[in-house]
N, C-alpha and C. Protein backbone atom coordinates (compact mmCIF):
# COMPACT_ATOMS: atom_id res chain seq x y z
N UNK A 1 75.04 -62.49 -15.58
CA UNK A 1 75.73 -63.75 -15.78
C UNK A 1 76.75 -63.93 -14.65
N UNK A 2 76.77 -65.13 -14.09
CA UNK A 2 77.70 -65.43 -13.00
C UNK A 2 79.07 -65.74 -13.59
N UNK A 3 80.10 -65.16 -12.97
CA UNK A 3 81.47 -65.36 -13.42
C UNK A 3 81.93 -66.77 -13.06
N UNK A 4 82.40 -67.56 -14.04
CA UNK A 4 82.87 -68.91 -13.74
C UNK A 4 84.01 -68.93 -12.72
N UNK A 5 84.87 -67.91 -12.76
CA UNK A 5 85.95 -67.84 -11.78
C UNK A 5 85.42 -67.73 -10.36
N UNK A 6 84.36 -66.95 -10.18
CA UNK A 6 83.73 -66.82 -8.86
C UNK A 6 83.10 -68.15 -8.44
N UNK A 7 82.50 -68.85 -9.38
CA UNK A 7 81.90 -70.14 -9.07
C UNK A 7 82.96 -71.15 -8.63
N UNK A 8 84.10 -71.13 -9.29
CA UNK A 8 85.19 -72.03 -8.93
C UNK A 8 85.73 -71.68 -7.55
N UNK A 9 85.87 -70.40 -7.26
CA UNK A 9 86.31 -69.97 -5.92
C UNK A 9 85.34 -70.44 -4.85
N UNK A 10 84.06 -70.33 -5.11
CA UNK A 10 83.04 -70.78 -4.16
C UNK A 10 83.14 -72.29 -3.96
N UNK A 11 83.33 -73.02 -5.05
CA UNK A 11 83.50 -74.47 -4.96
C UNK A 11 84.71 -74.82 -4.09
N UNK A 12 85.82 -74.14 -4.31
CA UNK A 12 87.04 -74.42 -3.53
C UNK A 12 86.81 -74.12 -2.05
N UNK A 13 86.13 -73.03 -1.75
CA UNK A 13 85.83 -72.70 -0.36
C UNK A 13 85.00 -73.79 0.30
N UNK A 14 83.99 -74.26 -0.41
CA UNK A 14 83.12 -75.30 0.13
C UNK A 14 83.89 -76.61 0.34
N UNK A 15 84.78 -76.93 -0.59
CA UNK A 15 85.59 -78.14 -0.47
C UNK A 15 86.48 -78.05 0.77
N UNK A 16 87.13 -76.91 0.95
CA UNK A 16 88.08 -76.75 2.05
C UNK A 16 87.39 -76.69 3.41
N UNK A 17 86.18 -76.18 3.46
CA UNK A 17 85.48 -76.01 4.73
C UNK A 17 84.67 -77.23 5.15
N UNK A 18 84.40 -78.13 4.22
CA UNK A 18 83.55 -79.28 4.51
C UNK A 18 84.24 -80.25 5.47
N UNK A 19 83.46 -80.72 6.43
CA UNK A 19 83.97 -81.72 7.37
C UNK A 19 83.58 -83.13 6.93
N UNK A 20 82.82 -83.23 5.85
CA UNK A 20 82.32 -84.52 5.39
C UNK A 20 83.14 -85.11 4.24
N UNK A 21 84.20 -84.43 3.83
CA UNK A 21 85.02 -84.89 2.71
C UNK A 21 86.34 -85.40 3.27
N UNK A 22 86.73 -86.60 2.85
CA UNK A 22 88.01 -87.17 3.30
C UNK A 22 89.16 -86.35 2.71
N UNK A 23 90.33 -86.47 3.32
CA UNK A 23 91.50 -85.75 2.82
C UNK A 23 91.82 -86.15 1.38
N UNK A 24 91.70 -87.43 1.08
CA UNK A 24 91.99 -87.92 -0.27
C UNK A 24 91.00 -87.32 -1.28
N UNK A 25 89.73 -87.32 -0.93
CA UNK A 25 88.72 -86.74 -1.82
C UNK A 25 88.90 -85.23 -1.94
N UNK A 26 89.27 -84.59 -0.84
CA UNK A 26 89.49 -83.13 -0.86
C UNK A 26 90.61 -82.80 -1.84
N UNK A 27 91.70 -83.55 -1.77
CA UNK A 27 92.82 -83.31 -2.69
C UNK A 27 92.39 -83.50 -4.15
N UNK A 28 91.62 -84.56 -4.40
CA UNK A 28 91.16 -84.82 -5.77
C UNK A 28 90.24 -83.70 -6.25
N UNK A 29 89.34 -83.25 -5.39
CA UNK A 29 88.41 -82.17 -5.77
C UNK A 29 89.14 -80.85 -6.00
N UNK A 30 90.14 -80.57 -5.18
CA UNK A 30 90.91 -79.34 -5.38
C UNK A 30 91.71 -79.41 -6.67
N UNK A 31 92.28 -80.58 -6.98
CA UNK A 31 92.97 -80.74 -8.27
C UNK A 31 92.01 -80.52 -9.42
N UNK A 32 90.80 -81.07 -9.30
CA UNK A 32 89.79 -80.91 -10.33
C UNK A 32 89.41 -79.43 -10.48
N UNK A 33 89.27 -78.73 -9.37
CA UNK A 33 88.90 -77.31 -9.46
C UNK A 33 90.03 -76.50 -10.10
N UNK A 34 91.28 -76.93 -9.88
CA UNK A 34 92.40 -76.27 -10.56
C UNK A 34 92.27 -76.42 -12.08
N UNK A 35 91.90 -77.62 -12.51
CA UNK A 35 91.71 -77.86 -13.95
C UNK A 35 90.55 -77.03 -14.50
N UNK A 36 89.48 -76.94 -13.72
CA UNK A 36 88.34 -76.11 -14.15
C UNK A 36 88.77 -74.66 -14.32
N UNK A 37 89.58 -74.16 -13.37
CA UNK A 37 90.03 -72.78 -13.44
C UNK A 37 90.87 -72.56 -14.69
N UNK A 38 91.82 -73.47 -14.93
CA UNK A 38 92.68 -73.33 -16.10
C UNK A 38 91.88 -73.42 -17.40
N UNK A 39 90.88 -74.27 -17.42
CA UNK A 39 90.03 -74.40 -18.59
C UNK A 39 89.25 -73.11 -18.86
N UNK A 40 88.68 -72.52 -17.81
CA UNK A 40 87.91 -71.29 -18.02
C UNK A 40 88.82 -70.14 -18.42
N UNK A 41 90.07 -70.13 -17.95
CA UNK A 41 91.02 -69.10 -18.39
C UNK A 41 91.33 -69.29 -19.88
N UNK A 42 91.55 -70.54 -20.29
CA UNK A 42 91.84 -70.83 -21.70
C UNK A 42 90.67 -70.44 -22.59
N UNK A 43 89.46 -70.72 -22.14
CA UNK A 43 88.27 -70.37 -22.93
C UNK A 43 88.14 -68.86 -23.04
N UNK A 44 88.40 -68.16 -21.95
CA UNK A 44 88.32 -66.69 -22.00
C UNK A 44 89.30 -66.11 -23.00
N UNK A 45 90.51 -66.66 -23.02
CA UNK A 45 91.53 -66.15 -23.94
C UNK A 45 91.16 -66.43 -25.39
N UNK A 46 90.45 -67.53 -25.62
CA UNK A 46 90.12 -67.92 -26.99
C UNK A 46 88.71 -67.50 -27.39
N UNK A 47 87.98 -66.93 -26.48
CA UNK A 47 86.57 -66.63 -26.74
C UNK A 47 86.34 -65.90 -28.06
N UNK A 48 87.10 -64.85 -28.40
CA UNK A 48 86.83 -64.18 -29.68
C UNK A 48 86.97 -65.14 -30.87
N UNK A 49 87.99 -65.98 -30.87
CA UNK A 49 88.17 -66.91 -31.99
C UNK A 49 87.10 -68.00 -31.97
N UNK A 50 86.67 -68.42 -30.79
CA UNK A 50 85.60 -69.41 -30.69
C UNK A 50 84.31 -68.81 -31.23
N UNK A 51 84.01 -67.58 -30.85
CA UNK A 51 82.81 -66.92 -31.34
C UNK A 51 82.86 -66.76 -32.86
N UNK A 52 84.02 -66.42 -33.39
CA UNK A 52 84.15 -66.26 -34.84
C UNK A 52 83.91 -67.60 -35.54
N UNK A 53 84.42 -68.68 -34.99
CA UNK A 53 84.22 -70.00 -35.58
C UNK A 53 82.75 -70.39 -35.56
N UNK A 54 82.07 -70.10 -34.46
CA UNK A 54 80.65 -70.42 -34.36
C UNK A 54 79.86 -69.61 -35.38
N UNK A 55 80.20 -68.33 -35.48
CA UNK A 55 79.49 -67.46 -36.42
C UNK A 55 79.71 -67.92 -37.86
N UNK A 56 80.94 -68.25 -38.22
CA UNK A 56 81.21 -68.68 -39.59
C UNK A 56 80.58 -70.04 -39.88
N UNK A 57 80.46 -70.90 -38.87
CA UNK A 57 79.82 -72.20 -39.06
C UNK A 57 78.33 -72.04 -39.32
N UNK A 58 77.74 -71.02 -38.75
CA UNK A 58 76.30 -70.77 -38.95
C UNK A 58 76.00 -70.21 -40.33
N UNK A 59 77.00 -69.56 -40.94
CA UNK A 59 76.78 -68.95 -42.26
C UNK A 59 76.78 -69.99 -43.29
């Protein structure tokens, strides 16, 4: 399984290195990638409780 954090890092690298993205779009994409990172951190912290909720919903 690919680590979402690694995928976000790869995305950020591609955004920063691209010559085809305007500065305004680059800033927006980097802000978006920051949100993605924070979201995946939040999901990781809650994963056990999320899994428990899914399991109990299936019962």
